[in-house]
Structure formats: structure tokens, C-alpha cells
Amino acid sequence: MSSLRIGLLRNDEFDGALYQNFGGYQELFTALLTTENFVPEITVYDVTAGQLPASPDQQQGWIIGGSRSSITEPEPWMAGLFRFIEDLNAAQAPTVGVCFGHQAIAHALGGQVSRRAHWGVGLLPAEIKATEWWMDPLHEAPIISFCHTDEVTQLPTGGRTIAEADHSPFAMMAIDNHFLSMQPHPEFSAGFTHQLHEEWGHLFDETTRVQAAKSLAKNSDRSVIGSWIRTFLTRSA
């Protein structure tokens, strides 16, 4: 049995029935990454409360999680996150950004994040544009749970496009061999995604709500993305 010490930079937390039924981000990422032979040791840093790691080498790998907050409407706690992302980049620390985390990496390193006209939500494909060493198993267009109102519209310095989606031109990106980030949420299980749509459906416009509901009939490839993240973090550490 192998393991890896992972620091989760938590930028939000679920509440209510979602939390009661599925737990928070720590539980979601633990479930995503755990296998018969691998169990991650995830330590949470509540970034919104000012809890930031002392240094990039405090953990063997890092995950920067999602948030209902928007980089297009900066909040004071985000400044510390952006500074630590710069530190992670300078140290070439193995780091994975998800949704808000993806956008935060882009913003902190010179890219651009913009507000979308409509939600990008549902079990949707991401078309792979570059084959990388951590892609095991290979998949040309994995279907993953998206749920976002912001998107990366310009890559950061050194960034390269890994995947595109109809509603997200930079759905997945990488910087060298130490940063991997993505707009979708591979940590969202099918059950979690269904309940999320039920609770948040009132936020979507009618067309988006109908399309998102239809998408839930698809099977998620989240296990593929989980394998990619696990390989990326363990081999980079």
C-alpha cells in the first residue's frame, strides 16, 4: 500500500444536504484518488480563513480546490492564495488545480479569467489536444462534471492547452511537469452531481437547465481523470 501527503488548499466548503450526504472537498478528493493500492493523506488548509502552508515542501503534492467565489470579484483572502501559487510554481511543486483552482493558477501566473454569459454545467466531454506522460489510461474525450460561471480566457505564462470543451476553450492546461489544472470537477460523483443540479438548478437559465439535465444520462469518466491526477502527483513528487 502506497500513499502521498497532499495539501488541499480549500477555498470553499459545501453545506446542507450535499455535505451531509457526501462530505466536503476532503472526502470527495480522498474518494477520487483512493485505490486498493493507494490511499492519499490529505491535509486541509482553509484558505478563506487565512490558513496557508508555511512552504511548498510542507506536503509532497498539492490540490487547489473549487469555490463559489469569483476571481472576477476579488476577495481579500485570494491575495494569499495567489502568492502561494507563485511560490508553488517557483518551487516546481506538484500541483493540481480544479475549477476555481484552475482559474486561480491562470490568474496568479499572468493569465486571464472572465465571467461567462451562462453557466457551463453538466456531464460534458473535454477533447484532449495533447498526449501527456501522466495520461494512463488514455482517453480522447473524457466526460466529466462541469459547474462554472467563470473560465480561463488566456493562458498564463508557460501554460499549454491539454483539453478544450465547447464551453471552455482551456478546459485543461499544464505548466512544465509540475502544474496540471482543469475546469471540470472530477471529484464530483454521479450522485453528488445529480443532487447538486437539484439544489442549484434555480441558478441556471432554462436552456442550460434542460441541457444539463439531459447530460446526466451520460456515464462519467471521472475515474480516468482520478488516475491521471494520481499518476501526475505521485510521479512528480
C-alpha atoms as a PDB file:
ATOM      1  CA  MET A   1       0.000   0.000   0.000  1.00  0.00           C
ATOM      2  CA  SER A   2       1.446   3.366  -1.040  1.00  0.00           C
ATOM      3  CA  SER A   3       0.415   6.848  -0.027  1.00  0.00           C
ATOM      4  CA  LEU A   4       1.212  10.509  -0.643  1.00  0.00           C
ATOM      5  CA  ARG A   5       0.969  13.558   1.587  1.00  0.00           C
ATOM      6  CA  ILE A   6      -1.288  16.006  -0.251  1.00  0.00           C
ATOM      7  CA  GLY A   7      -2.170  19.516   0.854  1.00  0.00           C
ATOM      8  CA  LEU A   8      -5.697  20.600  -0.113  1.00  0.00           C
ATOM      9  CA  LEU A   9      -5.988  24.368  -0.462  1.00  0.00           C
ATOM     10  CA  ARG A  10      -9.703  24.644   0.324  1.00  0.00           C
ATOM     11  CA  ASN A  11     -11.335  27.814  -0.984  1.00  0.00           C
ATOM     12  CA  ASP A  12     -14.926  26.977  -0.045  1.00  0.00           C
ATOM     13  CA  GLU A  13     -16.949  24.176   1.523  1.00  0.00           C
ATOM     14  CA  PHE A  14     -20.278  22.547   0.861  1.00  0.00           C
ATOM     15  CA  ASP A  15     -23.091  22.663   3.383  1.00  0.00           C
ATOM     16  CA  GLY A  16     -26.592  21.348   3.967  1.00  0.00           C
ATOM     17  CA  ALA A  17     -27.727  18.099   2.356  1.00  0.00           C
ATOM     18  CA  LEU A  18     -24.758  17.952  -0.017  1.00  0.00           C
ATOM     19  CA  TYR A  19     -22.318  17.886   2.894  1.00  0.00           C
ATOM     20  CA  GLN A  20     -24.467  15.532   4.940  1.00  0.00           C
ATOM     21  CA  ASN A  21     -24.746  13.021   2.094  1.00  0.00           C
ATOM     22  CA  PHE A  22     -21.292  13.263   0.507  1.00  0.00           C
ATOM     23  CA  GLY A  23     -18.974  15.120   2.868  1.00  0.00           C
ATOM     24  CA  GLY A  24     -16.774  18.053   1.926  1.00  0.00           C
ATOM     25  CA  TYR A  25     -13.908  18.566  -0.501  1.00  0.00           C
ATOM     26  CA  GLN A  26     -11.522  16.478   1.597  1.00  0.00           C
ATOM     27  CA  GLU A  27     -13.838  13.470   1.421  1.00  0.00           C
ATOM     28  CA  LEU A  28     -14.561  13.981  -2.291  1.00  0.00           C
ATOM     29  CA  PHE A  29     -10.885  14.109  -3.300  1.00  0.00           C
ATOM     30  CA  THR A  30      -9.991  11.230  -0.997  1.00  0.00           C
ATOM     31  CA  ALA A  31     -12.657   9.068  -2.657  1.00  0.00           C
ATOM     32  CA  LEU A  32     -11.498  10.122  -6.128  1.00  0.00           C
ATOM     33  CA  LEU A  33      -7.847   9.227  -5.543  1.00  0.00           C
ATOM     34  CA  THR A  34      -8.120   6.134  -3.343  1.00  0.00           C
ATOM     35  CA  THR A  35      -7.492   2.686  -4.839  1.00  0.00           C
ATOM     36  CA  GLU A  36      -6.708  -0.769  -3.438  1.00  0.00           C
ATOM     37  CA  ASN A  37      -3.019   0.126  -3.523  1.00  0.00           C
ATOM     38  CA  PHE A  38      -3.070   3.856  -2.858  1.00  0.00           C
ATOM     39  CA  VAL A  39      -4.586   5.985  -0.101  1.00  0.00           C
ATOM     40  CA  PRO A  40      -3.855   9.739  -0.073  1.00  0.00           C
ATOM     41  CA  GLU A  41      -3.112  11.546   3.196  1.00  0.00           C
ATOM     42  CA  ILE A  42      -4.930  14.830   2.629  1.00  0.00           C
ATOM     43  CA  THR A  43      -4.330  17.798   4.929  1.00  0.00           C
ATOM     44  CA  VAL A  44      -6.774  20.695   4.574  1.00  0.00           C
ATOM     45  CA  TYR A  45      -5.754  24.368   4.616  1.00  0.00           C
ATOM     46  CA  ASP A  46      -8.753  26.697   4.912  1.00  0.00           C
ATOM     47  CA  VAL A  47      -7.510  29.469   2.656  1.00  0.00           C
ATOM     48  CA  THR A  48     -10.600  31.650   3.207  1.00  0.00           C
ATOM     49  CA  ALA A  49      -9.678  31.760   6.912  1.00  0.00           C
ATOM     50  CA  GLY A  50      -6.086  32.712   6.145  1.00  0.00           C
ATOM     51  CA  GLN A  51      -4.670  29.216   6.673  1.00  0.00           C
ATOM     52  CA  LEU A  52      -1.790  28.926   4.215  1.00  0.00           C
ATOM     53  CA  PRO A  53       1.121  26.440   4.252  1.00  0.00           C
ATOM     54  CA  ALA A  54       4.491  27.569   5.544  1.00  0.00           C
ATOM     55  CA  SER A  55       6.231  26.460   2.343  1.00  0.00           C
ATOM     56  CA  PRO A  56       5.698  24.381  -0.819  1.00  0.00           C
ATOM     57  CA  ASP A  57       7.703  21.488   0.620  1.00  0.00           C
ATOM     58  CA  GLN A  58       5.345  21.091   3.575  1.00  0.00           C
ATOM     59  CA  GLN A  59       3.479  18.434   1.526  1.00  0.00           C
ATOM     60  CA  GLN A  60       4.510  16.124  -1.327  1.00  0.00           C
ATOM     61  CA  GLY A  61       1.755  17.359  -3.627  1.00  0.00           C
ATOM     62  CA  TRP A  62      -0.991  19.970  -3.719  1.00  0.00           C
ATOM     63  CA  ILE A  63      -4.613  20.319  -4.831  1.00  0.00           C
ATOM     64  CA  ILE A  64      -6.241  23.734  -5.217  1.00  0.00           C
ATOM     65  CA  GLY A  65      -9.996  23.229  -4.943  1.00  0.00           C
ATOM     66  CA  GLY A  66     -13.157  24.904  -6.161  1.00  0.00           C
ATOM     67  CA  SER A  67     -15.125  27.834  -4.804  1.00  0.00           C
ATOM     68  CA  ARG A  68     -18.381  29.696  -5.258  1.00  0.00           C
ATOM     69  CA  SER A  69     -16.316  32.893  -5.064  1.00  0.00           C
ATOM     70  CA  SER A  70     -15.191  34.527  -8.307  1.00  0.00           C
ATOM     71  CA  ILE A  71     -11.761  35.734  -9.318  1.00  0.00           C
ATOM     72  CA  THR A  72     -13.571  38.411 -11.338  1.00  0.00           C
ATOM     73  CA  GLU A  73     -14.813  39.782  -7.980  1.00  0.00           C
ATOM     74  CA  PRO A  74     -11.645  39.577  -5.807  1.00  0.00           C
ATOM     75  CA  GLU A  75     -11.919  38.958  -2.076  1.00  0.00           C
ATOM     76  CA  PRO A  76      -9.117  39.769   0.416  1.00  0.00           C
ATOM     77  CA  TRP A  77      -8.232  36.122   1.156  1.00  0.00           C
ATOM     78  CA  MET A  78      -7.422  35.468  -2.510  1.00  0.00           C
ATOM     79  CA  ALA A  79      -4.215  37.543  -2.394  1.00  0.00           C
ATOM     80  CA  GLY A  80      -2.546  35.000  -0.117  1.00  0.00           C
ATOM     81  CA  LEU A  81      -3.612  32.148  -2.390  1.00  0.00           C
ATOM     82  CA  PHE A  82      -2.149  33.868  -5.447  1.00  0.00           C
ATOM     83  CA  ARG A  83       1.155  34.468  -3.648  1.00  0.00           C
ATOM     84  CA  PHE A  84       1.366  30.827  -2.605  1.00  0.00           C
ATOM     85  CA  ILE A  85       0.653  29.699  -6.169  1.00  0.00           C
ATOM     86  CA  GLU A  86       3.643  31.785  -7.247  1.00  0.00           C
ATOM     87  CA  ASP A  87       5.703  30.002  -4.568  1.00  0.00           C
ATOM     88  CA  LEU A  88       4.484  26.588  -5.768  1.00  0.00           C
ATOM     89  CA  ASN A  89       5.457  27.492  -9.318  1.00  0.00           C
ATOM     90  CA  ALA A  90       8.913  28.728  -8.300  1.00  0.00           C
ATOM     91  CA  ALA A  91       9.494  25.513  -6.327  1.00  0.00           C
ATOM     92  CA  GLN A  92       8.066  23.403  -9.173  1.00  0.00           C
ATOM     93  CA  ALA A  93       5.899  21.660  -6.576  1.00  0.00           C
ATOM     94  CA  PRO A  94       3.462  19.051  -7.996  1.00  0.00           C
ATOM     95  CA  THR A  95       0.121  20.876  -8.033  1.00  0.00           C
ATOM     96  CA  VAL A  96      -3.355  20.168  -9.419  1.00  0.00           C
ATOM     97  CA  GLY A  97      -5.961  22.919  -9.744  1.00  0.00           C
ATOM     98  CA  VAL A  98      -9.678  22.180 -10.115  1.00  0.00           C
ATOM     99  CA  CYS A  99     -12.329  24.669 -11.323  1.00  0.00           C
ATOM    100  CA  PHE A 100     -11.655  27.790  -9.203  1.00  0.00           C
ATOM    101  CA  GLY A 101      -8.192  26.335  -8.569  1.00  0.00           C
ATOM    102  CA  HIS A 102      -7.631  26.129 -12.334  1.00  0.00           C
ATOM    103  CA  GLN A 103      -8.652  29.760 -12.698  1.00  0.00           C
ATOM    104  CA  ALA A 104      -6.556  30.841  -9.701  1.00  0.00           C
ATOM    105  CA  ILE A 105      -3.404  29.323 -11.217  1.00  0.00           C
ATOM    106  CA  ALA A 106      -4.060  31.081 -14.523  1.00  0.00           C
ATOM    107  CA  HIS A 107      -4.686  34.434 -12.826  1.00  0.00           C
ATOM    108  CA  ALA A 108      -1.725  34.218 -10.431  1.00  0.00           C
ATOM    109  CA  LEU A 109       0.726  33.437 -13.228  1.00  0.00           C
ATOM    110  CA  GLY A 110      -0.340  36.069 -15.748  1.00  0.00           C
ATOM    111  CA  GLY A 111      -3.365  34.558 -17.494  1.00  0.00           C
ATOM    112  CA  GLN A 112      -6.891  35.891 -17.689  1.00  0.00           C
ATOM    113  CA  VAL A 113     -10.191  34.770 -16.169  1.00  0.00           C
ATOM    114  CA  SER A 114     -13.557  36.101 -17.365  1.00  0.00           C
ATOM    115  CA  ARG A 115     -17.219  35.738 -16.418  1.00  0.00           C
ATOM    116  CA  ARG A 116     -19.345  33.623 -18.751  1.00  0.00           C
ATOM    117  CA  ALA A 117     -22.722  34.744 -20.109  1.00  0.00           C
ATOM    118  CA  HIS A 118     -24.254  31.422 -18.993  1.00  0.00           C
ATOM    119  CA  TRP A 119     -23.295  28.555 -16.706  1.00  0.00           C
ATOM    120  CA  GLY A 120     -21.145  25.770 -18.080  1.00  0.00           C
ATOM    121  CA  VAL A 121     -22.755  22.835 -16.324  1.00  0.00           C
ATOM    122  CA  GLY A 122     -23.398  19.128 -16.839  1.00  0.00           C
ATOM    123  CA  LEU A 123     -21.616  15.885 -17.639  1.00  0.00           C
ATOM    124  CA  LEU A 124     -19.757  17.108 -20.705  1.00  0.00           C
ATOM    125  CA  PRO A 125     -16.800  15.975 -22.828  1.00  0.00           C
ATOM    126  CA  ALA A 126     -13.356  17.573 -22.799  1.00  0.00           C
ATOM    127  CA  GLU A 127     -11.476  16.968 -26.042  1.00  0.00           C
ATOM    128  CA  ILE A 128      -7.841  16.081 -25.383  1.00  0.00           C
ATOM    129  CA  LYS A 129      -5.436  18.104 -27.527  1.00  0.00           C
ATOM    130  CA  ALA A 130      -2.077  16.911 -26.203  1.00  0.00           C
ATOM    131  CA  THR A 131      -0.979  13.475 -25.006  1.00  0.00           C
ATOM    132  CA  GLU A 132       0.948  13.712 -21.735  1.00  0.00           C
ATOM    133  CA  TRP A 133       3.089  11.251 -19.749  1.00  0.00           C
ATOM    134  CA  TRP A 134       0.559  11.090 -16.901  1.00  0.00           C
ATOM    135  CA  MET A 135      -2.363  10.043 -19.139  1.00  0.00           C
ATOM    136  CA  ASP A 136      -2.823   6.446 -18.044  1.00  0.00           C
ATOM    137  CA  PRO A 137      -5.219   5.194 -19.291  1.00  0.00           C
ATOM    138  CA  LEU A 138      -5.504   7.237 -22.468  1.00  0.00           C
ATOM    139  CA  HIS A 139      -8.855   8.811 -23.334  1.00  0.00           C
ATOM    140  CA  GLU A 140      -9.594  11.146 -26.262  1.00  0.00           C
ATOM    141  CA  ALA A 141     -12.664  12.893 -24.848  1.00  0.00           C
ATOM    142  CA  PRO A 142     -13.436  12.089 -21.193  1.00  0.00           C
ATOM    143  CA  ILE A 143     -16.870  13.102 -19.897  1.00  0.00           C
ATOM    144  CA  ILE A 144     -16.625  14.961 -16.600  1.00  0.00           C
ATOM    145  CA  SER A 145     -18.855  17.078 -14.365  1.00  0.00           C
ATOM    146  CA  PHE A 146     -18.601  20.811 -15.126  1.00  0.00           C
ATOM    147  CA  CYS A 147     -20.144  23.548 -12.974  1.00  0.00           C
ATOM    148  CA  HIS A 148     -18.768  27.050 -13.517  1.00  0.00           C
ATOM    149  CA  THR A 149     -19.671  30.641 -14.298  1.00  0.00           C
ATOM    150  CA  ASP A 150     -16.068  31.827 -14.860  1.00  0.00           C
ATOM    151  CA  GLU A 151     -13.497  30.489 -17.310  1.00  0.00           C
ATOM    152  CA  VAL A 152      -9.860  30.871 -18.281  1.00  0.00           C
ATOM    153  CA  THR A 153      -9.732  33.010 -21.427  1.00  0.00           C
ATOM    154  CA  GLN A 154      -5.959  33.470 -21.661  1.00  0.00           C
ATOM    155  CA  LEU A 155      -3.275  31.002 -20.634  1.00  0.00           C
ATOM    156  CA  PRO A 156      -0.719  32.020 -18.003  1.00  0.00           C
ATOM    157  CA  THR A 157       2.990  32.299 -18.705  1.00  0.00           C
ATOM    158  CA  GLY A 158       4.314  28.883 -19.722  1.00  0.00           C
ATOM    159  CA  GLY A 159       0.836  27.362 -19.930  1.00  0.00           C
ATOM    160  CA  ARG A 160      -0.111  24.879 -22.653  1.00  0.00           C
ATOM    161  CA  THR A 161      -3.551  23.621 -23.636  1.00  0.00           C
ATOM    162  CA  ILE A 162      -4.249  19.992 -22.754  1.00  0.00           C
ATOM    163  CA  ALA A 163      -8.003  19.858 -23.428  1.00  0.00           C
ATOM    164  CA  GLU A 164     -10.785  22.002 -24.889  1.00  0.00           C
ATOM    165  CA  ALA A 165     -14.560  21.988 -24.442  1.00  0.00           C
ATOM    166  CA  ASP A 166     -17.344  23.750 -26.354  1.00  0.00           C
ATOM    167  CA  HIS A 167     -17.977  25.994 -23.347  1.00  0.00           C
ATOM    168  CA  SER A 168     -14.373  26.172 -22.088  1.00  0.00           C
ATOM    169  CA  PRO A 169     -11.537  26.875 -24.549  1.00  0.00           C
ATOM    170  CA  PHE A 170      -8.898  25.988 -21.940  1.00  0.00           C
ATOM    171  CA  ALA A 171     -10.655  23.118 -20.153  1.00  0.00           C
ATOM    172  CA  MET A 172      -7.336  21.625 -19.061  1.00  0.00           C
ATOM    173  CA  MET A 173      -3.841  23.090 -19.026  1.00  0.00           C
ATOM    174  CA  ALA A 174      -0.351  22.287 -17.801  1.00  0.00           C
ATOM    175  CA  ILE A 175       2.819  24.190 -16.962  1.00  0.00           C
ATOM    176  CA  ASP A 176       6.042  22.232 -17.367  1.00  0.00           C
ATOM    177  CA  ASN A 177       5.682  18.974 -15.410  1.00  0.00           C
ATOM    178  CA  HIS A 178       4.579  20.428 -12.077  1.00  0.00           C
ATOM    179  CA  PHE A 179       1.228  22.162 -12.703  1.00  0.00           C
ATOM    180  CA  LEU A 180      -1.893  20.428 -14.033  1.00  0.00           C
ATOM    181  CA  SER A 181      -5.247  22.183 -13.838  1.00  0.00           C
ATOM    182  CA  MET A 182      -8.745  21.702 -15.202  1.00  0.00           C
ATOM    183  CA  GLN A 183     -12.115  23.436 -15.344  1.00  0.00           C
ATOM    184  CA  PRO A 184     -14.276  20.334 -14.608  1.00  0.00           C
ATOM    185  CA  HIS A 185     -14.787  18.646 -11.238  1.00  0.00           C
ATOM    186  CA  PRO A 186     -13.587  15.012 -11.384  1.00  0.00           C
ATOM    187  CA  GLU A 187     -14.162  14.776  -7.614  1.00  0.00           C
ATOM    188  CA  PHE A 188     -17.946  15.064  -8.192  1.00  0.00           C
ATOM    189  CA  SER A 189     -19.506  11.581  -8.257  1.00  0.00           C
ATOM    190  CA  ALA A 190     -22.691  10.816 -10.221  1.00  0.00           C
ATOM    191  CA  GLY A 191     -24.798  11.013  -7.066  1.00  0.00           C
ATOM    192  CA  PHE A 192     -23.199  14.278  -5.993  1.00  0.00           C
ATOM    193  CA  THR A 193     -23.698  15.810  -9.456  1.00  0.00           C
ATOM    194  CA  HIS A 194     -27.380  14.842  -9.540  1.00  0.00           C
ATOM    195  CA  GLN A 195     -28.049  16.389  -6.137  1.00  0.00           C
ATOM    196  CA  LEU A 196     -26.002  19.490  -6.986  1.00  0.00           C
ATOM    197  CA  HIS A 197     -28.184  20.069 -10.056  1.00  0.00           C
ATOM    198  CA  GLU A 198     -31.328  19.654  -7.962  1.00  0.00           C
ATOM    199  CA  GLU A 199     -30.154  22.218  -5.425  1.00  0.00           C
ATOM    200  CA  TRP A 200     -28.580  24.703  -7.817  1.00  0.00           C
ATOM    201  CA  GLY A 201     -30.924  24.300 -10.799  1.00  0.00           C
ATOM    202  CA  HIS A 202     -32.710  27.557  -9.982  1.00  0.00           C
ATOM    203  CA  LEU A 203     -29.468  29.402 -10.778  1.00  0.00           C
ATOM    204  CA  PHE A 204     -29.400  28.156 -14.393  1.00  0.00           C
ATOM    205  CA  ASP A 205     -31.311  29.683 -17.273  1.00  0.00           C
ATOM    206  CA  GLU A 206     -33.960  27.425 -18.842  1.00  0.00           C
ATOM    207  CA  THR A 207     -31.862  26.304 -21.823  1.00  0.00           C
ATOM    208  CA  THR A 208     -28.878  25.493 -19.624  1.00  0.00           C
ATOM    209  CA  ARG A 209     -31.090  23.670 -17.113  1.00  0.00           C
ATOM    210  CA  VAL A 210     -32.604  21.444 -19.826  1.00  0.00           C
ATOM    211  CA  GLN A 211     -29.242  20.648 -21.431  1.00  0.00           C
ATOM    212  CA  ALA A 212     -27.644  19.937 -18.050  1.00  0.00           C
ATOM    213  CA  ALA A 213     -30.490  17.591 -17.096  1.00  0.00           C
ATOM    214  CA  LYS A 214     -30.113  15.641 -20.356  1.00  0.00           C
ATOM    215  CA  SER A 215     -26.377  15.317 -19.820  1.00  0.00           C
ATOM    216  CA  LEU A 216     -26.890  13.406 -16.565  1.00  0.00           C
ATOM    217  CA  ALA A 217     -27.831  10.306 -18.561  1.00  0.00           C
ATOM    218  CA  LYS A 218     -24.173  10.004 -19.602  1.00  0.00           C
ATOM    219  CA  ASN A 219     -21.562   7.984 -17.740  1.00  0.00           C
ATOM    220  CA  SER A 220     -18.774   9.971 -16.137  1.00  0.00           C
ATOM    221  CA  ASP A 221     -15.108   9.231 -16.865  1.00  0.00           C
ATOM    222  CA  ARG A 222     -14.046  10.688 -13.508  1.00  0.00           C
ATOM    223  CA  SER A 223     -12.083   7.550 -12.661  1.00  0.00           C
ATOM    224  CA  VAL A 224      -9.872   8.208 -15.687  1.00  0.00           C
ATOM    225  CA  ILE A 225      -9.158  11.745 -14.519  1.00  0.00           C
ATOM    226  CA  GLY A 226      -8.591  10.465 -10.994  1.00  0.00           C
ATOM    227  CA  SER A 227      -5.961   8.091 -12.362  1.00  0.00           C
ATOM    228  CA  TRP A 228      -4.315  10.952 -14.255  1.00  0.00           C
ATOM    229  CA  ILE A 229      -4.170  13.126 -11.135  1.00  0.00           C
ATOM    230  CA  ARG A 230      -2.819  10.279  -9.023  1.00  0.00           C
ATOM    231  CA  THR A 231      -0.091   9.498 -11.577  1.00  0.00           C
ATOM    232  CA  PHE A 232       0.760  13.177 -12.005  1.00  0.00           C
ATOM    233  CA  LEU A 233       1.163  13.808  -8.285  1.00  0.00           C
ATOM    234  CA  THR A 234       2.981  10.589  -7.383  1.00  0.00           C
ATOM    235  CA  ARG A 235       5.491  10.637 -10.235  1.00  0.00           C
ATOM    236  CA  SER A 236       6.130  14.376  -9.927  1.00  0.00           C
ATOM    237  CA  ALA A 237       6.669  14.261  -6.162  1.00  0.00           C
END
